[in-house]
Amino acid sequence: MSRDPAYQSLRRAHRRFGVRATGVAVGGFLLYVLLSSFLPGLMNTSLSGHLTIGLALGLGQFVLMGVIVWRYLVHMRTHVTPVVRGLRGLVRHHETVARDRAAFGTRTVPRGEEFRPW
């Protein structure tokens, strides 16, 4: 199964999304920390009442995480789930064929080339 092109594309898509999402999250946190460290005057600038730019950016981290989670759910629904359903059907088909062959006592797959576990 691990050699199937659909499985490989699934892994690549999942990995690409993970790298991008992690980069955005770490970049957002890093930007906040760097601004807090090197531009404290800017971070203490009042926007309205007790709300400062630093506090607004800190609260913005929650918004950023919410957007990343939402994009993850959309990504899973549109890119991953359809491929997983197709692969699941393919695995079930291979299991059925293997079960039928085992019932007749024939072996068509050479030893060592069976499907590997996850």
PDB file of N, CA and C in Angstrom:
ATOM      1  N   MET A   1       0.823  -1.191   0.000  1.00  0.00           N
ATOM      2  CA  MET A   1       0.000   0.000   0.000  1.00  0.00           C
ATOM      3  C   MET A   1       0.865   1.252   0.000  1.00  0.00           C
ATOM      4  N   SER A   2       2.015   1.186   0.681  1.00  0.00           N
ATOM      5  CA  SER A   2       2.851   2.383   0.781  1.00  0.00           C
ATOM      6  C   SER A   2       3.444   2.790  -0.554  1.00  0.00           C
ATOM      7  N   ARG A   3       3.442   1.891  -1.526  1.00  0.00           N
ATOM      8  CA  ARG A   3       3.975   2.224  -2.851  1.00  0.00           C
ATOM      9  C   ARG A   3       2.909   2.773  -3.794  1.00  0.00           C
ATOM     10  N   ASP A   4       1.668   2.749  -3.378  1.00  0.00           N
ATOM     11  CA  ASP A   4       0.574   3.227  -4.224  1.00  0.00           C
ATOM     12  C   ASP A   4       0.706   4.734  -4.449  1.00  0.00           C
ATOM     13  N   PRO A   5       0.571   5.205  -5.702  1.00  0.00           N
ATOM     14  CA  PRO A   5       0.710   6.641  -5.983  1.00  0.00           C
ATOM     15  C   PRO A   5      -0.302   7.510  -5.217  1.00  0.00           C
ATOM     16  N   ALA A   6      -1.503   7.010  -5.013  1.00  0.00           N
ATOM     17  CA  ALA A   6      -2.505   7.772  -4.263  1.00  0.00           C
ATOM     18  C   ALA A   6      -2.063   7.949  -2.816  1.00  0.00           C
ATOM     19  N   TYR A   7      -1.474   6.910  -2.250  1.00  0.00           N
ATOM     20  CA  TYR A   7      -0.984   6.988  -0.871  1.00  0.00           C
ATOM     21  C   TYR A   7       0.175   7.980  -0.785  1.00  0.00           C
ATOM     22  N   GLN A   8       1.065   7.939  -1.754  1.00  0.00           N
ATOM     23  CA  GLN A   8       2.196   8.869  -1.765  1.00  0.00           C
ATOM     24  C   GLN A   8       1.715  10.314  -1.897  1.00  0.00           C
ATOM     25  N   SER A   9       0.741  10.558  -2.764  1.00  0.00           N
ATOM     26  CA  SER A   9       0.226  11.924  -2.911  1.00  0.00           C
ATOM     27  C   SER A   9      -0.482  12.380  -1.635  1.00  0.00           C
ATOM     28  N   LEU A  10      -1.148  11.458  -0.968  1.00  0.00           N
ATOM     29  CA  LEU A  10      -1.790  11.779   0.308  1.00  0.00           C
ATOM     30  C   LEU A  10      -0.750  12.204   1.338  1.00  0.00           C
ATOM     31  N   ARG A  11       0.328  11.466   1.430  1.00  0.00           N
ATOM     32  CA  ARG A  11       1.385  11.813   2.388  1.00  0.00           C
ATOM     33  C   ARG A  11       2.024  13.144   2.060  1.00  0.00           C
ATOM     34  N   ARG A  12       2.269  13.403   0.749  1.00  0.00           N
ATOM     35  CA  ARG A  12       2.870  14.679   0.353  1.00  0.00           C
ATOM     36  C   ARG A  12       1.953  15.843   0.682  1.00  0.00           C
ATOM     37  N   ALA A  13       0.668  15.716   0.389  1.00  0.00           N
ATOM     38  CA  ALA A  13      -0.284  16.800   0.665  1.00  0.00           C
ATOM     39  C   ALA A  13      -0.379  17.064   2.164  1.00  0.00           C
ATOM     40  N   HIS A  14      -0.427  16.016   2.941  1.00  0.00           N
ATOM     41  CA  HIS A  14      -0.531  16.172   4.390  1.00  0.00           C
ATOM     42  C   HIS A  14       0.739  16.821   4.953  1.00  0.00           C
ATOM     43  N   ARG A  15       1.892  16.394   4.456  1.00  0.00           N
ATOM     44  CA  ARG A  15       3.161  16.951   4.921  1.00  0.00           C
ATOM     45  C   ARG A  15       3.292  18.418   4.526  1.00  0.00           C
ATOM     46  N   ARG A  16       2.930  18.753   3.273  1.00  0.00           N
ATOM     47  CA  ARG A  16       3.016  20.146   2.826  1.00  0.00           C
ATOM     48  C   ARG A  16       2.157  21.054   3.686  1.00  0.00           C
ATOM     49  N   PHE A  17       0.932  20.613   3.958  1.00  0.00           N
ATOM     50  CA  PHE A  17       0.058  21.434   4.794  1.00  0.00           C
ATOM     51  C   PHE A  17       0.640  21.593   6.191  1.00  0.00           C
ATOM     52  N   GLY A  18       1.150  20.523   6.759  1.00  0.00           N
ATOM     53  CA  GLY A  18       1.721  20.588   8.099  1.00  0.00           C
ATOM     54  C   GLY A  18       2.897  21.540   8.182  1.00  0.00           C
ATOM     55  N   VAL A  19       3.746  21.517   7.166  1.00  0.00           N
ATOM     56  CA  VAL A  19       4.898  22.414   7.165  1.00  0.00           C
ATOM     57  C   VAL A  19       4.439  23.863   7.057  1.00  0.00           C
ATOM     58  N   ARG A  20       3.496  24.140   6.167  1.00  0.00           N
ATOM     59  CA  ARG A  20       3.005  25.513   6.011  1.00  0.00           C
ATOM     60  C   ARG A  20       2.305  26.006   7.271  1.00  0.00           C
ATOM     61  N   ALA A  21       1.444  25.182   7.848  1.00  0.00           N
ATOM     62  CA  ALA A  21       0.709  25.592   9.049  1.00  0.00           C
ATOM     63  C   ALA A  21       1.667  25.830  10.214  1.00  0.00           C
ATOM     64  N   THR A  22       2.646  24.969  10.363  1.00  0.00           N
ATOM     65  CA  THR A  22       3.631  25.152  11.429  1.00  0.00           C
ATOM     66  C   THR A  22       4.432  26.421  11.205  1.00  0.00           C
ATOM     67  N   GLY A  23       4.813  26.690   9.958  1.00  0.00           N
ATOM     68  CA  GLY A  23       5.552  27.912   9.643  1.00  0.00           C
ATOM     69  C   GLY A  23       4.765  29.164   9.969  1.00  0.00           C
ATOM     70  N   VAL A  24       3.484  29.167   9.637  1.00  0.00           N
ATOM     71  CA  VAL A  24       2.643  30.333   9.940  1.00  0.00           C
ATOM     72  C   VAL A  24       2.500  30.518  11.446  1.00  0.00           C
ATOM     73  N   ALA A  25       2.270  29.437  12.176  1.00  0.00           N
ATOM     74  CA  ALA A  25       2.103  29.539  13.624  1.00  0.00           C
ATOM     75  C   ALA A  25       3.390  30.011  14.298  1.00  0.00           C
ATOM     76  N   VAL A  26       4.501  29.387  13.963  1.00  0.00           N
ATOM     77  CA  VAL A  26       5.776  29.767  14.569  1.00  0.00           C
ATOM     78  C   VAL A  26       6.148  31.188  14.156  1.00  0.00           C
ATOM     79  N   GLY A  27       5.894  31.544  12.899  1.00  0.00           N
ATOM     80  CA  GLY A  27       6.175  32.898  12.439  1.00  0.00           C
ATOM     81  C   GLY A  27       5.367  33.943  13.188  1.00  0.00           C
ATOM     82  N   GLY A  28       4.106  33.662  13.431  1.00  0.00           N
ATOM     83  CA  GLY A  28       3.264  34.588  14.194  1.00  0.00           C
ATOM     84  C   GLY A  28       3.758  34.766  15.615  1.00  0.00           C
ATOM     85  N   PHE A  29       4.100  33.648  16.269  1.00  0.00           N
ATOM     86  CA  PHE A  29       4.621  33.733  17.636  1.00  0.00           C
ATOM     87  C   PHE A  29       5.965  34.458  17.670  1.00  0.00           C
ATOM     88  N   LEU A  30       6.829  34.142  16.722  1.00  0.00           N
ATOM     89  CA  LEU A  30       8.140  34.771  16.675  1.00  0.00           C
ATOM     90  C   LEU A  30       8.024  36.279  16.434  1.00  0.00           C
ATOM     91  N   LEU A  31       7.141  36.666  15.531  1.00  0.00           N
ATOM     92  CA  LEU A  31       6.929  38.086  15.277  1.00  0.00           C
ATOM     93  C   LEU A  31       6.477  38.806  16.548  1.00  0.00           C
ATOM     94  N   TYR A  32       5.559  38.202  17.276  1.00  0.00           N
ATOM     95  CA  TYR A  32       5.064  38.800  18.523  1.00  0.00           C
ATOM     96  C   TYR A  32       6.190  38.954  19.545  1.00  0.00           C
ATOM     97  N   VAL A  33       6.992  37.909  19.707  1.00  0.00           N
ATOM     98  CA  VAL A  33       8.081  37.958  20.687  1.00  0.00           C
ATOM     99  C   VAL A  33       9.125  38.988  20.273  1.00  0.00           C
ATOM    100  N   LEU A  34       9.476  39.022  18.993  1.00  0.00           N
ATOM    101  CA  LEU A  34      10.477  39.991  18.534  1.00  0.00           C
ATOM    102  C   LEU A  34       9.985  41.430  18.679  1.00  0.00           C
ATOM    103  N   LEU A  35       8.729  41.664  18.330  1.00  0.00           N
ATOM    104  CA  LEU A  35       8.180  43.008  18.517  1.00  0.00           C
ATOM    105  C   LEU A  35       8.158  43.404  19.988  1.00  0.00           C
ATOM    106  N   SER A  36       7.809  42.465  20.850  1.00  0.00           N
ATOM    107  CA  SER A  36       7.784  42.750  22.291  1.00  0.00           C
ATOM    108  C   SER A  36       9.181  43.045  22.824  1.00  0.00           C
ATOM    109  N   SER A  37      10.177  42.355  22.285  1.00  0.00           N
ATOM    110  CA  SER A  37      11.540  42.530  22.778  1.00  0.00           C
ATOM    111  C   SER A  37      12.202  43.795  22.254  1.00  0.00           C
ATOM    112  N   PHE A  38      12.031  44.066  20.975  1.00  0.00           N
ATOM    113  CA  PHE A  38      12.802  45.133  20.354  1.00  0.00           C
ATOM    114  C   PHE A  38      12.023  46.427  20.109  1.00  0.00           C
ATOM    115  N   LEU A  39      10.708  46.381  20.172  1.00  0.00           N
ATOM    116  CA  LEU A  39       9.898  47.591  19.984  1.00  0.00           C
ATOM    117  C   LEU A  39       8.849  47.716  21.087  1.00  0.00           C
ATOM    118  N   PRO A  40       9.296  47.819  22.332  1.00  0.00           N
ATOM    119  CA  PRO A  40       8.309  47.899  23.427  1.00  0.00           C
ATOM    120  C   PRO A  40       7.468  49.169  23.362  1.00  0.00           C
ATOM    121  N   GLY A  41       8.026  50.240  22.824  1.00  0.00           N
ATOM    122  CA  GLY A  41       7.253  51.471  22.695  1.00  0.00           C
ATOM    123  C   GLY A  41       6.071  51.288  21.757  1.00  0.00           C
ATOM    124  N   LEU A  42       6.290  50.582  20.666  1.00  0.00           N
ATOM    125  CA  LEU A  42       5.207  50.307  19.722  1.00  0.00           C
ATOM    126  C   LEU A  42       4.162  49.384  20.348  1.00  0.00           C
ATOM    127  N   MET A  43       4.621  48.381  21.071  1.00  0.00           N
ATOM    128  CA  MET A  43       3.693  47.422  21.671  1.00  0.00           C
ATOM    129  C   MET A  43       2.859  48.060  22.783  1.00  0.00           C
ATOM    130  N   ASN A  44       3.386  49.128  23.406  1.00  0.00           N
ATOM    131  CA  ASN A  44       2.650  49.814  24.479  1.00  0.00           C
ATOM    132  C   ASN A  44       1.787  50.955  23.964  1.00  0.00           C
ATOM    133  N   THR A  45       1.756  51.147  22.674  1.00  0.00           N
ATOM    134  CA  THR A  45       0.918  52.197  22.097  1.00  0.00           C
ATOM    135  C   THR A  45      -0.552  51.844  22.313  1.00  0.00           C
ATOM    136  N   SER A  46      -1.300  52.790  22.842  1.00  0.00           N
ATOM    137  CA  SER A  46      -2.706  52.554  23.163  1.00  0.00           C
ATOM    138  C   SER A  46      -3.561  52.660  21.898  1.00  0.00           C
ATOM    139  N   LEU A  47      -4.429  51.683  21.726  1.00  0.00           N
ATOM    140  CA  LEU A  47      -5.386  51.722  20.618  1.00  0.00           C
ATOM    141  C   LEU A  47      -6.703  52.338  21.070  1.00  0.00           C
ATOM    142  N   SER A  48      -7.171  51.886  22.224  1.00  0.00           N
ATOM    143  CA  SER A  48      -8.435  52.378  22.757  1.00  0.00           C
ATOM    144  C   SER A  48      -8.495  52.003  24.237  1.00  0.00           C
ATOM    145  N   GLY A  49      -8.488  52.988  25.098  1.00  0.00           N
ATOM    146  CA  GLY A  49      -8.566  52.705  26.531  1.00  0.00           C
ATOM    147  C   GLY A  49      -7.344  51.929  26.990  1.00  0.00           C
ATOM    148  N   HIS A  50      -7.557  50.734  27.551  1.00  0.00           N
ATOM    149  CA  HIS A  50      -6.457  49.891  28.028  1.00  0.00           C
ATOM    150  C   HIS A  50      -5.973  48.915  26.964  1.00  0.00           C
ATOM    151  N   LEU A  51      -6.563  48.941  25.804  1.00  0.00           N
ATOM    152  CA  LEU A  51      -6.164  48.041  24.732  1.00  0.00           C
ATOM    153  C   LEU A  51      -4.946  48.615  24.011  1.00  0.00           C
ATOM    154  N   THR A  52      -3.834  47.876  24.091  1.00  0.00           N
ATOM    155  CA  THR A  52      -2.607  48.293  23.418  1.00  0.00           C
ATOM    156  C   THR A  52      -2.377  47.427  22.188  1.00  0.00           C
ATOM    157  N   ILE A  53      -1.418  47.844  21.386  1.00  0.00           N
ATOM    158  CA  ILE A  53      -1.077  47.050  20.199  1.00  0.00           C
ATOM    159  C   ILE A  53      -0.566  45.672  20.628  1.00  0.00           C
ATOM    160  N   GLY A  54       0.236  45.634  21.684  1.00  0.00           N
ATOM    161  CA  GLY A  54       0.758  44.357  22.181  1.00  0.00           C
ATOM    162  C   GLY A  54      -0.349  43.419  22.620  1.00  0.00           C
ATOM    163  N   LEU A  55      -1.331  43.949  23.350  1.00  0.00           N
ATOM    164  CA  LEU A  55      -2.453  43.111  23.790  1.00  0.00           C
ATOM    165  C   LEU A  55      -3.277  42.645  22.596  1.00  0.00           C
ATOM    166  N   ALA A  56      -3.496  43.529  21.636  1.00  0.00           N
ATOM    167  CA  ALA A  56      -4.259  43.155  20.439  1.00  0.00           C
ATOM    168  C   ALA A  56      -3.530  42.068  19.648  1.00  0.00           C
ATOM    169  N   LEU A  57      -2.202  42.198  19.517  1.00  0.00           N
ATOM    170  CA  LEU A  57      -1.437  41.162  18.808  1.00  0.00           C
ATOM    171  C   LEU A  57      -1.426  39.852  19.597  1.00  0.00           C
ATOM    172  N   GLY A  58      -1.370  39.932  20.925  1.00  0.00           N
ATOM    173  CA  GLY A  58      -1.440  38.722  21.747  1.00  0.00           C
ATOM    174  C   GLY A  58      -2.764  38.008  21.586  1.00  0.00           C
ATOM    175  N   LEU A  59      -3.852  38.776  21.576  1.00  0.00           N
ATOM    176  CA  LEU A  59      -5.171  38.166  21.332  1.00  0.00           C
ATOM    177  C   LEU A  59      -5.279  37.658  19.899  1.00  0.00           C
ATOM    178  N   GLY A  60      -4.562  38.310  19.009  1.00  0.00           N
ATOM    179  CA  GLY A  60      -4.540  37.875  17.609  1.00  0.00           C
ATOM    180  C   GLY A  60      -3.933  36.490  17.442  1.00  0.00           C
ATOM    181  N   GLN A  61      -3.102  36.059  18.391  1.00  0.00           N
ATOM    182  CA  GLN A  61      -2.543  34.706  18.330  1.00  0.00           C
ATOM    183  C   GLN A  61      -3.649  33.658  18.420  1.00  0.00           C
ATOM    184  N   PHE A  62      -4.670  33.936  19.222  1.00  0.00           N
ATOM    185  CA  PHE A  62      -5.804  33.006  19.306  1.00  0.00           C
ATOM    186  C   PHE A  62      -6.559  32.963  17.979  1.00  0.00           C
ATOM    187  N   VAL A  63      -6.701  34.118  17.366  1.00  0.00           N
ATOM    188  CA  VAL A  63      -7.361  34.173  16.060  1.00  0.00           C
ATOM    189  C   VAL A  63      -6.547  33.398  15.028  1.00  0.00           C
ATOM    190  N   LEU A  64      -5.222  33.590  15.068  1.00  0.00           N
ATOM    191  CA  LEU A  64      -4.341  32.877  14.137  1.00  0.00           C
ATOM    192  C   LEU A  64      -4.475  31.366  14.302  1.00  0.00           C
ATOM    193  N   MET A  65      -4.499  30.885  15.533  1.00  0.00           N
ATOM    194  CA  MET A  65      -4.655  29.451  15.764  1.00  0.00           C
ATOM    195  C   MET A  65      -6.020  28.962  15.289  1.00  0.00           C
ATOM    196  N   GLY A  66      -7.052  29.767  15.492  1.00  0.00           N
ATOM    197  CA  GLY A  66      -8.383  29.395  15.012  1.00  0.00           C
ATOM    198  C   GLY A  66      -8.418  29.280  13.501  1.00  0.00           C
ATOM    199  N   VAL A  67      -7.760  30.210  12.814  1.00  0.00           N
ATOM    200  CA  VAL A  67      -7.711  30.156  11.347  1.00  0.00           C
ATOM    201  C   VAL A  67      -6.938  28.927  10.882  1.00  0.00           C
ATOM    202  N   ILE A  68      -5.840  28.613  11.548  1.00  0.00           N
ATOM    203  CA  ILE A  68      -5.059  27.432  11.163  1.00  0.00           C
ATOM    204  C   ILE A  68      -5.873  26.158  11.376  1.00  0.00           C
ATOM    205  N   VAL A  69      -6.583  26.070  12.488  1.00  0.00           N
ATOM    206  CA  VAL A  69      -7.421  24.889  12.734  1.00  0.00           C
ATOM    207  C   VAL A  69      -8.530  24.789  11.690  1.00  0.00           C
ATOM    208  N   TRP A  70      -9.149  25.912  11.363  1.00  0.00           N
ATOM    209  CA  TRP A  70     -10.211  25.914  10.346  1.00  0.00           C
ATOM    210  C   TRP A  70      -9.655  25.459   8.998  1.00  0.00           C
ATOM    211  N   ARG A  71      -8.475  25.970   8.601  1.00  0.00           N
ATOM    212  CA  ARG A  71      -7.874  25.568   7.329  1.00  0.00           C
ATOM    213  C   ARG A  71      -7.497  24.090   7.351  1.00  0.00           C
ATOM    214  N   TYR A  72      -7.074  23.584   8.521  1.00  0.00           N
ATOM    215  CA  TYR A  72      -6.760  22.171   8.637  1.00  0.00           C
ATOM    216  C   TYR A  72      -8.007  21.325   8.382  1.00  0.00           C
ATOM    217  N   LEU A  73      -9.111  21.723   8.977  1.00  0.00           N
ATOM    218  CA  LEU A  73     -10.350  20.970   8.775  1.00  0.00           C
ATOM    219  C   LEU A  73     -10.793  21.005   7.316  1.00  0.00           C
ATOM    220  N   VAL A  74     -10.671  22.166   6.686  1.00  0.00           N
ATOM    221  CA  VAL A  74     -11.028  22.275   5.265  1.00  0.00           C
ATOM    222  C   VAL A  74     -10.094  21.411   4.428  1.00  0.00           C
ATOM    223  N   HIS A  75      -8.808  21.455   4.732  1.00  0.00           N
ATOM    224  CA  HIS A  75      -7.821  20.653   3.998  1.00  0.00           C
ATOM    225  C   HIS A  75      -8.129  19.161   4.125  1.00  0.00           C
ATOM    226  N   MET A  76      -8.417  18.728   5.334  1.00  0.00           N
ATOM    227  CA  MET A  76      -8.733  17.311   5.545  1.00  0.00           C
ATOM    228  C   MET A  76      -9.988  16.909   4.772  1.00  0.00           C
ATOM    229  N   ARG A  77     -11.012  17.753   4.810  1.00  0.00           N
ATOM    230  CA  ARG A  77     -12.267  17.433   4.145  1.00  0.00           C
ATOM    231  C   ARG A  77     -12.124  17.410   2.624  1.00  0.00           C
ATOM    232  N   THR A  78     -11.327  18.318   2.059  1.00  0.00           N
ATOM    233  CA  THR A  78     -11.262  18.429   0.604  1.00  0.00           C
ATOM    234  C   THR A  78     -10.139  17.622  -0.028  1.00  0.00           C
ATOM    235  N   HIS A  79      -9.001  17.462   0.660  1.00  0.00           N
ATOM    236  CA  HIS A  79      -7.861  16.801   0.039  1.00  0.00           C
ATOM    237  C   HIS A  79      -7.566  15.406   0.579  1.00  0.00           C
ATOM    238  N   VAL A  80      -7.759  15.217   1.862  1.00  0.00           N
ATOM    239  CA  VAL A  80      -7.339  13.960   2.476  1.00  0.00           C
ATOM    240  C   VAL A  80      -8.457  12.926   2.504  1.00  0.00           C
ATOM    241  N   THR A  81      -9.629  13.299   2.967  1.00  0.00           N
ATOM    242  CA  THR A  81     -10.718  12.341   3.131  1.00  0.00           C
ATOM    243  C   THR A  81     -11.100  11.613   1.839  1.00  0.00           C
ATOM    244  N   PRO A  82     -11.229  12.297   0.694  1.00  0.00           N
ATOM    245  CA  PRO A  82     -11.570  11.552  -0.522  1.00  0.00           C
ATOM    246  C   PRO A  82     -10.517  10.510  -0.910  1.00  0.00           C
ATOM    247  N   VAL A  83      -9.247  10.847  -0.746  1.00  0.00           N
ATOM    248  CA  VAL A  83      -8.185   9.894  -1.085  1.00  0.00           C
ATOM    249  C   VAL A  83      -8.192   8.727  -0.107  1.00  0.00           C
ATOM    250  N   VAL A  84      -8.420   9.012   1.169  1.00  0.00           N
ATOM    251  CA  VAL A  84      -8.463   7.951   2.176  1.00  0.00           C
ATOM    252  C   VAL A  84      -9.616   6.992   1.890  1.00  0.00           C
ATOM    253  N   ARG A  85     -10.752   7.535   1.502  1.00  0.00           N
ATOM    254  CA  ARG A  85     -11.890   6.659   1.172  1.00  0.00           C
ATOM    255  C   ARG A  85     -11.558   5.756  -0.006  1.00  0.00           C
ATOM    256  N   GLY A  86     -10.902   6.310  -1.019  1.00  0.00           N
ATOM    257  CA  GLY A  86     -10.504   5.499  -2.169  1.00  0.00           C
ATOM    258  C   GLY A  86      -9.503   4.428  -1.788  1.00  0.00           C
ATOM    259  N   LEU A  87      -8.526   4.781  -0.971  1.00  0.00           N
ATOM    260  CA  LEU A  87      -7.537   3.797  -0.532  1.00  0.00           C
ATOM    261  C   LEU A  87      -8.160   2.735   0.353  1.00  0.00           C
ATOM    262  N   ARG A  88      -9.110   3.136   1.175  1.00  0.00           N
ATOM    263  CA  ARG A  88      -9.790   2.159   2.029  1.00  0.00           C
ATOM    264  C   ARG A  88     -10.534   1.133   1.171  1.00  0.00           C
ATOM    265  N   GLY A  89     -11.188   1.618   0.120  1.00  0.00           N
ATOM    266  CA  GLY A  89     -11.866   0.693  -0.789  1.00  0.00           C
ATOM    267  C   GLY A  89     -10.888  -0.227  -1.492  1.00  0.00           C
ATOM    268  N   LEU A  90      -9.730   0.307  -1.873  1.00  0.00           N
ATOM    269  CA  LEU A  90      -8.698  -0.506  -2.527  1.00  0.00           C
ATOM    270  C   LEU A  90      -8.171  -1.583  -1.581  1.00  0.00           C
ATOM    271  N   VAL A  91      -7.957  -1.222  -0.326  1.00  0.00           N
ATOM    272  CA  VAL A  91      -7.472  -2.190   0.664  1.00  0.00           C
ATOM    273  C   VAL A  91      -8.523  -3.274   0.883  1.00  0.00           C
ATOM    274  N   ARG A  92      -9.775  -2.881   0.995  1.00  0.00           N
ATOM    275  CA  ARG A  92     -10.835  -3.884   1.165  1.00  0.00           C
ATOM    276  C   ARG A  92     -10.897  -4.833  -0.027  1.00  0.00           C
ATOM    277  N   HIS A  93     -10.715  -4.276  -1.211  1.00  0.00           N
ATOM    278  CA  HIS A  93     -10.717  -5.115  -2.412  1.00  0.00           C
ATOM    279  C   HIS A  93      -9.548  -6.108  -2.361  1.00  0.00           C
ATOM    280  N   HIS A  94      -8.356  -5.628  -2.001  1.00  0.00           N
ATOM    281  CA  HIS A  94      -7.195  -6.519  -1.913  1.00  0.00           C
ATOM    282  C   HIS A  94      -7.402  -7.579  -0.838  1.00  0.00           C
ATOM    283  N   GLU A  95      -8.013  -7.210   0.276  1.00  0.00           N
ATOM    284  CA  GLU A  95      -8.276  -8.187   1.333  1.00  0.00           C
ATOM    285  C   GLU A  95      -9.252  -9.255   0.866  1.00  0.00           C
ATOM    286  N   THR A  96     -10.271  -8.833   0.125  1.00  0.00           N
ATOM    287  CA  THR A  96     -11.246  -9.792  -0.398  1.00  0.00           C
ATOM    288  C   THR A  96     -10.593 -10.750  -1.377  1.00  0.00           C
ATOM    289  N   VAL A  97      -9.777 -10.207  -2.277  1.00  0.00           N
ATOM    290  CA  VAL A  97      -9.079 -11.052  -3.245  1.00  0.00           C
ATOM    291  C   VAL A  97      -8.144 -12.016  -2.529  1.00  0.00           C
ATOM    292  N   ALA A  98      -7.418 -11.519  -1.534  1.00  0.00           N
ATOM    293  CA  ALA A  98      -6.496 -12.381  -0.787  1.00  0.00           C
ATOM    294  C   ALA A  98      -7.253 -13.461  -0.033  1.00  0.00           C
ATOM    295  N   ARG A  99      -8.397 -13.108   0.543  1.00  0.00           N
ATOM    296  CA  ARG A  99      -9.195 -14.099   1.266  1.00  0.00           C
ATOM    297  C   ARG A  99      -9.719 -15.173   0.315  1.00  0.00           C
ATOM    298  N   ASP A 100     -10.153 -14.740  -0.878  1.00  0.00           N
ATOM    299  CA  ASP A 100     -10.638 -15.704  -1.863  1.00  0.00           C
ATOM    300  C   ASP A 100      -9.522 -16.619  -2.340  1.00  0.00           C
ATOM    301  N   ARG A 101      -8.340 -16.064  -2.547  1.00  0.00           N
ATOM    302  CA  ARG A 101      -7.205 -16.893  -2.976  1.00  0.00           C
ATOM    303  C   ARG A 101      -6.804 -17.866  -1.879  1.00  0.00           C
ATOM    304  N   ALA A 102      -6.849 -17.402  -0.614  1.00  0.00           N
ATOM    305  CA  ALA A 102      -6.500 -18.279   0.500  1.00  0.00           C
ATOM    306  C   ALA A 102      -7.500 -19.421   0.619  1.00  0.00           C
ATOM    307  N   ALA A 103      -8.738 -19.149   0.263  1.00  0.00           N
ATOM    308  CA  ALA A 103      -9.757 -20.211   0.328  1.00  0.00           C
ATOM    309  C   ALA A 103      -9.450 -21.311  -0.676  1.00  0.00           C
ATOM    310  N   PHE A 104      -8.823 -20.951  -1.796  1.00  0.00           N
ATOM    311  CA  PHE A 104      -8.474 -21.943  -2.807  1.00  0.00           C
ATOM    312  C   PHE A 104      -7.066 -22.486  -2.625  1.00  0.00           C
ATOM    313  N   GLY A 105      -6.313 -21.938  -1.668  1.00  0.00           N
ATOM    314  CA  GLY A 105      -4.992 -22.463  -1.357  1.00  0.00           C
ATOM    315  C   GLY A 105      -3.905 -22.031  -2.324  1.00  0.00           C
ATOM    316  N   THR A 106      -4.143 -21.024  -3.136  1.00  0.00           N
ATOM    317  CA  THR A 106      -3.105 -20.581  -4.074  1.00  0.00           C
ATOM    318  C   THR A 106      -2.399 -19.366  -3.497  1.00  0.00           C
ATOM    319  N   ARG A 107      -1.149 -19.230  -3.863  1.00  0.00           N
ATOM    320  CA  ARG A 107      -0.362 -18.076  -3.406  1.00  0.00           C
ATOM    321  C   ARG A 107       0.236 -17.415  -4.647  1.00  0.00           C
ATOM    322  N   THR A 108      -0.217 -16.174  -4.930  1.00  0.00           N
ATOM    323  CA  THR A 108       0.277 -15.480  -6.119  1.00  0.00           C
ATOM    324  C   THR A 108       1.264 -14.372  -5.772  1.00  0.00           C
ATOM    325  N   VAL A 109       1.283 -13.943  -4.512  1.00  0.00           N
ATOM    326  CA  VAL A 109       2.211 -12.885  -4.102  1.00  0.00           C
ATOM    327  C   VAL A 109       3.435 -13.549  -3.481  1.00  0.00           C
ATOM    328  N   PRO A 110       4.636 -13.275  -4.014  1.00  0.00           N
ATOM    329  CA  PRO A 110       5.831 -13.886  -3.423  1.00  0.00           C
ATOM    330  C   PRO A 110       6.040 -13.440  -1.982  1.00  0.00           C
ATOM    331  N   ARG A 111       6.684 -14.290  -1.197  1.00  0.00           N
ATOM    332  CA  ARG A 111       6.952 -13.954   0.202  1.00  0.00           C
ATOM    333  C   ARG A 111       7.740 -12.652   0.281  1.00  0.00           C
ATOM    334  N   GLY A 112       7.422 -11.813   1.272  1.00  0.00           N
ATOM    335  CA  GLY A 112       8.121 -10.548   1.481  1.00  0.00           C
ATOM    336  C   GLY A 112       7.529  -9.382   0.743  1.00  0.00           C
ATOM    337  N   GLU A 113       6.533  -9.617  -0.125  1.00  0.00           N
ATOM    338  CA  GLU A 113       5.924  -8.529  -0.872  1.00  0.00           C
ATOM    339  C   GLU A 113       4.493  -8.268  -0.434  1.00  0.00           C
ATOM    340  N   GLU A 114       4.116  -8.787   0.733  1.00  0.00           N
ATOM    341  CA  GLU A 114       2.790  -8.511   1.233  1.00  0.00           C
ATOM    342  C   GLU A 114       2.708  -7.049   1.647  1.00  0.00           C
ATOM    343  N   PHE A 115       1.499  -6.604   1.937  1.00  0.00           N
ATOM    344  CA  PHE A 115       1.332  -5.229   2.399  1.00  0.00           C
ATOM    345  C   PHE A 115       1.965  -5.077   3.767  1.00  0.00           C
ATOM    346  N   ARG A 116       2.675  -3.976   3.925  1.00  0.00           N
ATOM    347  CA  ARG A 116       3.314  -3.705   5.203  1.00  0.00           C
ATOM    348  C   ARG A 116       2.311  -3.001   6.118  1.00  0.00           C
ATOM    349  N   PRO A 117       2.428  -3.229   7.421  1.00  0.00           N
ATOM    350  CA  PRO A 117       1.529  -2.514   8.332  1.00  0.00           C
ATOM    351  C   PRO A 117       1.913  -1.044   8.403  1.00  0.00           C
ATOM    352  N   TRP A 118       1.006  -0.223   8.872  1.00  0.00           N
ATOM    353  CA  TRP A 118       1.260   1.209   8.983  1.00  0.00           C
ATOM    354  C   TRP A 118       2.388   1.408   9.953  1.00  0.00           C
TER     355      TRP A 118
END
